[in-house]
Amino acid sequence: MATTPEGEVKDMIKQRLALLGAHPAGSKMWETGKATSWYYMPVQNGMGVSGIPDFIGCHYGMFWSIEAKAPGKQPNPNQAQRMHEIRATAGQSWTVDCEDDMEEIVQWMYQVRRDPMLVIDAQTAVLRG
């Protein structure tokens, strides 16, 4: 279990994602056929690009990421840049530091589940400017 404020936020995110049908890579839920969204939590080890969000996922073909922060904290400049890069290519990227922040993600996942093409069309329009 969590030992830091950010760790508590990550645990809360994992719990909320599971309620939405999102399960991590390698989860036994994939064997049940009930998972609707895949995610991975990359481990930063000094190799590769810095600032990659804490959660990287795919929901009905739509790319998303979540940067977990301790309450009141903001993404650092590298994290903010990676989130900008994701949004610039029609991916979704959120910062979560409390339970309330998850509401936008919940609504987005429900909207994608109801009508993925509507969401894809809206994101493509943003890219076209």
C-alpha atoms as a PDB file:
ATOM      1  CA  MET A   1       0.000   0.000   0.000  1.00  0.00           C
ATOM      2  CA  ALA A   2       0.883   3.653  -0.324  1.00  0.00           C
ATOM      3  CA  THR A   3       3.489   5.222   1.903  1.00  0.00           C
ATOM      4  CA  THR A   4       3.478   8.721   0.380  1.00  0.00           C
ATOM      5  CA  PRO A   5       0.703  11.199  -0.456  1.00  0.00           C
ATOM      6  CA  GLU A   6       1.352  10.624  -4.184  1.00  0.00           C
ATOM      7  CA  GLY A   7       1.241   6.867  -3.588  1.00  0.00           C
ATOM      8  CA  GLU A   8      -2.191   7.268  -1.982  1.00  0.00           C
ATOM      9  CA  VAL A   9      -3.385   9.153  -5.071  1.00  0.00           C
ATOM     10  CA  LYS A  10      -2.021   6.383  -7.331  1.00  0.00           C
ATOM     11  CA  ASP A  11      -3.870   3.751  -5.265  1.00  0.00           C
ATOM     12  CA  MET A  12      -7.102   5.760  -5.561  1.00  0.00           C
ATOM     13  CA  ILE A  13      -6.619   6.072  -9.343  1.00  0.00           C
ATOM     14  CA  LYS A  14      -6.087   2.304  -9.681  1.00  0.00           C
ATOM     15  CA  GLN A  15      -9.260   1.633  -7.675  1.00  0.00           C
ATOM     16  CA  ARG A  16     -11.342   4.033  -9.779  1.00  0.00           C
ATOM     17  CA  LEU A  17      -9.915   2.667 -13.036  1.00  0.00           C
ATOM     18  CA  ALA A  18     -10.805  -0.884 -11.978  1.00  0.00           C
ATOM     19  CA  LEU A  19     -14.415   0.202 -11.388  1.00  0.00           C
ATOM     20  CA  LEU A  20     -14.432   1.522 -14.957  1.00  0.00           C
ATOM     21  CA  GLY A  21     -13.159  -1.780 -16.376  1.00  0.00           C
ATOM     22  CA  ALA A  22      -9.560  -0.579 -16.756  1.00  0.00           C
ATOM     23  CA  HIS A  23      -6.930  -3.092 -15.731  1.00  0.00           C
ATOM     24  CA  PRO A  24      -3.138  -3.095 -15.857  1.00  0.00           C
ATOM     25  CA  ALA A  25      -1.051  -5.011 -18.337  1.00  0.00           C
ATOM     26  CA  GLY A  26      -0.693  -8.612 -17.177  1.00  0.00           C
ATOM     27  CA  SER A  27      -3.784  -8.504 -14.937  1.00  0.00           C
ATOM     28  CA  LYS A  28      -5.807 -11.709 -14.512  1.00  0.00           C
ATOM     29  CA  MET A  29      -8.874  -9.641 -15.507  1.00  0.00           C
ATOM     30  CA  TRP A  30      -7.740  -9.919 -19.114  1.00  0.00           C
ATOM     31  CA  GLU A  31      -8.478 -13.636 -18.931  1.00  0.00           C
ATOM     32  CA  THR A  32     -12.129 -12.939 -18.007  1.00  0.00           C
ATOM     33  CA  GLY A  33     -12.862 -10.804 -21.053  1.00  0.00           C
ATOM     34  CA  LYS A  34     -14.326  -8.092 -18.802  1.00  0.00           C
ATOM     35  CA  ALA A  35     -11.536  -5.538 -19.142  1.00  0.00           C
ATOM     36  CA  THR A  36     -12.408  -2.594 -21.406  1.00  0.00           C
ATOM     37  CA  SER A  37      -9.369  -0.402 -20.914  1.00  0.00           C
ATOM     38  CA  TRP A  38      -5.687  -1.302 -20.712  1.00  0.00           C
ATOM     39  CA  TYR A  39      -3.027   0.603 -18.792  1.00  0.00           C
ATOM     40  CA  TYR A  40       0.611   0.412 -17.859  1.00  0.00           C
ATOM     41  CA  MET A  41       2.592   2.201 -15.166  1.00  0.00           C
ATOM     42  CA  PRO A  42       6.098   2.832 -16.531  1.00  0.00           C
ATOM     43  CA  VAL A  43       8.979   2.724 -14.074  1.00  0.00           C
ATOM     44  CA  GLN A  44      11.412   5.612 -14.377  1.00  0.00           C
ATOM     45  CA  ASN A  45      14.943   4.271 -14.153  1.00  0.00           C
ATOM     46  CA  GLY A  46      17.021   7.012 -15.765  1.00  0.00           C
ATOM     47  CA  MET A  47      16.827   5.383 -19.194  1.00  0.00           C
ATOM     48  CA  GLY A  48      14.643   6.936 -21.857  1.00  0.00           C
ATOM     49  CA  VAL A  49      12.593  10.120 -21.822  1.00  0.00           C
ATOM     50  CA  SER A  50      11.876  11.916 -18.564  1.00  0.00           C
ATOM     51  CA  GLY A  51       8.416  13.158 -17.696  1.00  0.00           C
ATOM     52  CA  ILE A  52       6.421  10.171 -18.961  1.00  0.00           C
ATOM     53  CA  PRO A  53       3.074  10.136 -17.076  1.00  0.00           C
ATOM     54  CA  ASP A  54       2.463   7.635 -14.270  1.00  0.00           C
ATOM     55  CA  PHE A  55      -0.346   5.846 -16.140  1.00  0.00           C
ATOM     56  CA  ILE A  56      -0.351   5.197 -19.900  1.00  0.00           C
ATOM     57  CA  GLY A  57      -3.450   3.575 -21.332  1.00  0.00           C
ATOM     58  CA  CYS A  58      -5.829   2.770 -24.145  1.00  0.00           C
ATOM     59  CA  HIS A  59      -9.619   2.848 -23.908  1.00  0.00           C
ATOM     60  CA  TYR A  60     -11.617   1.637 -26.946  1.00  0.00           C
ATOM     61  CA  GLY A  61      -8.680   2.586 -29.149  1.00  0.00           C
ATOM     62  CA  MET A  62      -8.199   6.024 -27.577  1.00  0.00           C
ATOM     63  CA  PHE A  63      -4.803   6.831 -25.996  1.00  0.00           C
ATOM     64  CA  TRP A  64      -4.793   8.369 -22.533  1.00  0.00           C
ATOM     65  CA  SER A  65      -2.403   9.197 -19.700  1.00  0.00           C
ATOM     66  CA  ILE A  66      -2.625  10.293 -16.080  1.00  0.00           C
ATOM     67  CA  GLU A  67       0.026  12.075 -14.054  1.00  0.00           C
ATOM     68  CA  ALA A  68      -0.596  11.429 -10.344  1.00  0.00           C
ATOM     69  CA  LYS A  69       0.479  14.131  -7.914  1.00  0.00           C
ATOM     70  CA  ALA A  70       0.384  14.626  -4.179  1.00  0.00           C
ATOM     71  CA  PRO A  71      -2.532  16.922  -3.261  1.00  0.00           C
ATOM     72  CA  GLY A  72      -1.845  20.488  -4.322  1.00  0.00           C
ATOM     73  CA  LYS A  73       1.201  19.633  -6.448  1.00  0.00           C
ATOM     74  CA  GLN A  74       1.564  20.343 -10.180  1.00  0.00           C
ATOM     75  CA  PRO A  75       3.451  18.498 -12.940  1.00  0.00           C
ATOM     76  CA  ASN A  76       7.083  19.521 -13.344  1.00  0.00           C
ATOM     77  CA  PRO A  77       8.156  21.099 -16.678  1.00  0.00           C
ATOM     78  CA  ASN A  78       9.169  17.740 -18.246  1.00  0.00           C
ATOM     79  CA  GLN A  79       5.873  16.154 -17.222  1.00  0.00           C
ATOM     80  CA  ALA A  80       3.910  19.136 -18.522  1.00  0.00           C
ATOM     81  CA  GLN A  81       5.752  18.884 -21.852  1.00  0.00           C
ATOM     82  CA  ARG A  82       4.961  15.163 -22.243  1.00  0.00           C
ATOM     83  CA  MET A  83       1.297  15.876 -21.454  1.00  0.00           C
ATOM     84  CA  HIS A  84       1.290  18.643 -24.066  1.00  0.00           C
ATOM     85  CA  GLU A  85       2.799  16.251 -26.638  1.00  0.00           C
ATOM     86  CA  ILE A  86       0.088  13.681 -25.916  1.00  0.00           C
ATOM     87  CA  ARG A  87      -2.710  16.246 -26.253  1.00  0.00           C
ATOM     88  CA  ALA A  88      -1.150  17.657 -29.444  1.00  0.00           C
ATOM     89  CA  THR A  89      -1.699  14.267 -31.112  1.00  0.00           C
ATOM     90  CA  ALA A  90      -5.339  13.920 -29.943  1.00  0.00           C
ATOM     91  CA  GLY A  91      -4.532  11.814 -26.890  1.00  0.00           C
ATOM     92  CA  GLN A  92      -6.046  12.602 -23.518  1.00  0.00           C
ATOM     93  CA  SER A  93      -3.844  13.536 -20.582  1.00  0.00           C
ATOM     94  CA  TRP A  94      -4.868  14.498 -17.070  1.00  0.00           C
ATOM     95  CA  THR A  95      -3.257  15.484 -13.790  1.00  0.00           C
ATOM     96  CA  VAL A  96      -4.924  13.904 -10.770  1.00  0.00           C
ATOM     97  CA  ASP A  97      -4.228  14.925  -7.182  1.00  0.00           C
ATOM     98  CA  CYS A  98      -7.597  14.079  -5.579  1.00  0.00           C
ATOM     99  CA  GLU A  99     -10.765  12.027  -6.028  1.00  0.00           C
ATOM    100  CA  ASP A 100     -12.618  14.953  -7.647  1.00  0.00           C
ATOM    101  CA  ASP A 101     -10.066  15.074 -10.496  1.00  0.00           C
ATOM    102  CA  MET A 102     -11.139  11.582 -11.543  1.00  0.00           C
ATOM    103  CA  GLU A 103     -14.641  12.775 -12.471  1.00  0.00           C
ATOM    104  CA  GLU A 104     -13.526  14.193 -15.846  1.00  0.00           C
ATOM    105  CA  ILE A 105     -11.793  10.890 -16.636  1.00  0.00           C
ATOM    106  CA  VAL A 106     -14.869   8.899 -15.635  1.00  0.00           C
ATOM    107  CA  GLN A 107     -17.071  11.051 -17.884  1.00  0.00           C
ATOM    108  CA  TRP A 108     -14.628  10.775 -20.795  1.00  0.00           C
ATOM    109  CA  MET A 109     -14.470   6.966 -20.477  1.00  0.00           C
ATOM    110  CA  TYR A 110     -18.269   6.719 -20.407  1.00  0.00           C
ATOM    111  CA  GLN A 111     -18.532   9.019 -23.439  1.00  0.00           C
ATOM    112  CA  VAL A 112     -15.972   6.966 -25.386  1.00  0.00           C
ATOM    113  CA  ARG A 113     -17.802   3.765 -24.457  1.00  0.00           C
ATOM    114  CA  ARG A 114     -21.132   5.201 -25.672  1.00  0.00           C
ATOM    115  CA  ASP A 115     -19.878   6.712 -28.929  1.00  0.00           C
ATOM    116  CA  PRO A 116     -16.157   6.355 -29.746  1.00  0.00           C
ATOM    117  CA  MET A 117     -16.553   7.952 -33.190  1.00  0.00           C
ATOM    118  CA  LEU A 118     -17.992  11.141 -31.682  1.00  0.00           C
ATOM    119  CA  VAL A 119     -14.919  11.493 -29.463  1.00  0.00           C
ATOM    120  CA  ILE A 120     -12.539  10.687 -32.328  1.00  0.00           C
ATOM    121  CA  ASP A 121     -14.239  13.291 -34.558  1.00  0.00           C
ATOM    122  CA  ALA A 122     -13.989  15.948 -31.818  1.00  0.00           C
ATOM    123  CA  GLN A 123     -10.302  15.223 -31.193  1.00  0.00           C
ATOM    124  CA  THR A 124      -9.519  15.257 -34.915  1.00  0.00           C
ATOM    125  CA  ALA A 125     -11.230  18.648 -35.235  1.00  0.00           C
ATOM    126  CA  VAL A 126      -8.956  19.990 -32.478  1.00  0.00           C
ATOM    127  CA  LEU A 127      -5.893  18.781 -34.380  1.00  0.00           C
ATOM    128  CA  ARG A 128      -7.048  20.454 -37.576  1.00  0.00           C
ATOM    129  CA  GLY A 129      -7.514  23.717 -35.686  1.00  0.00           C
END
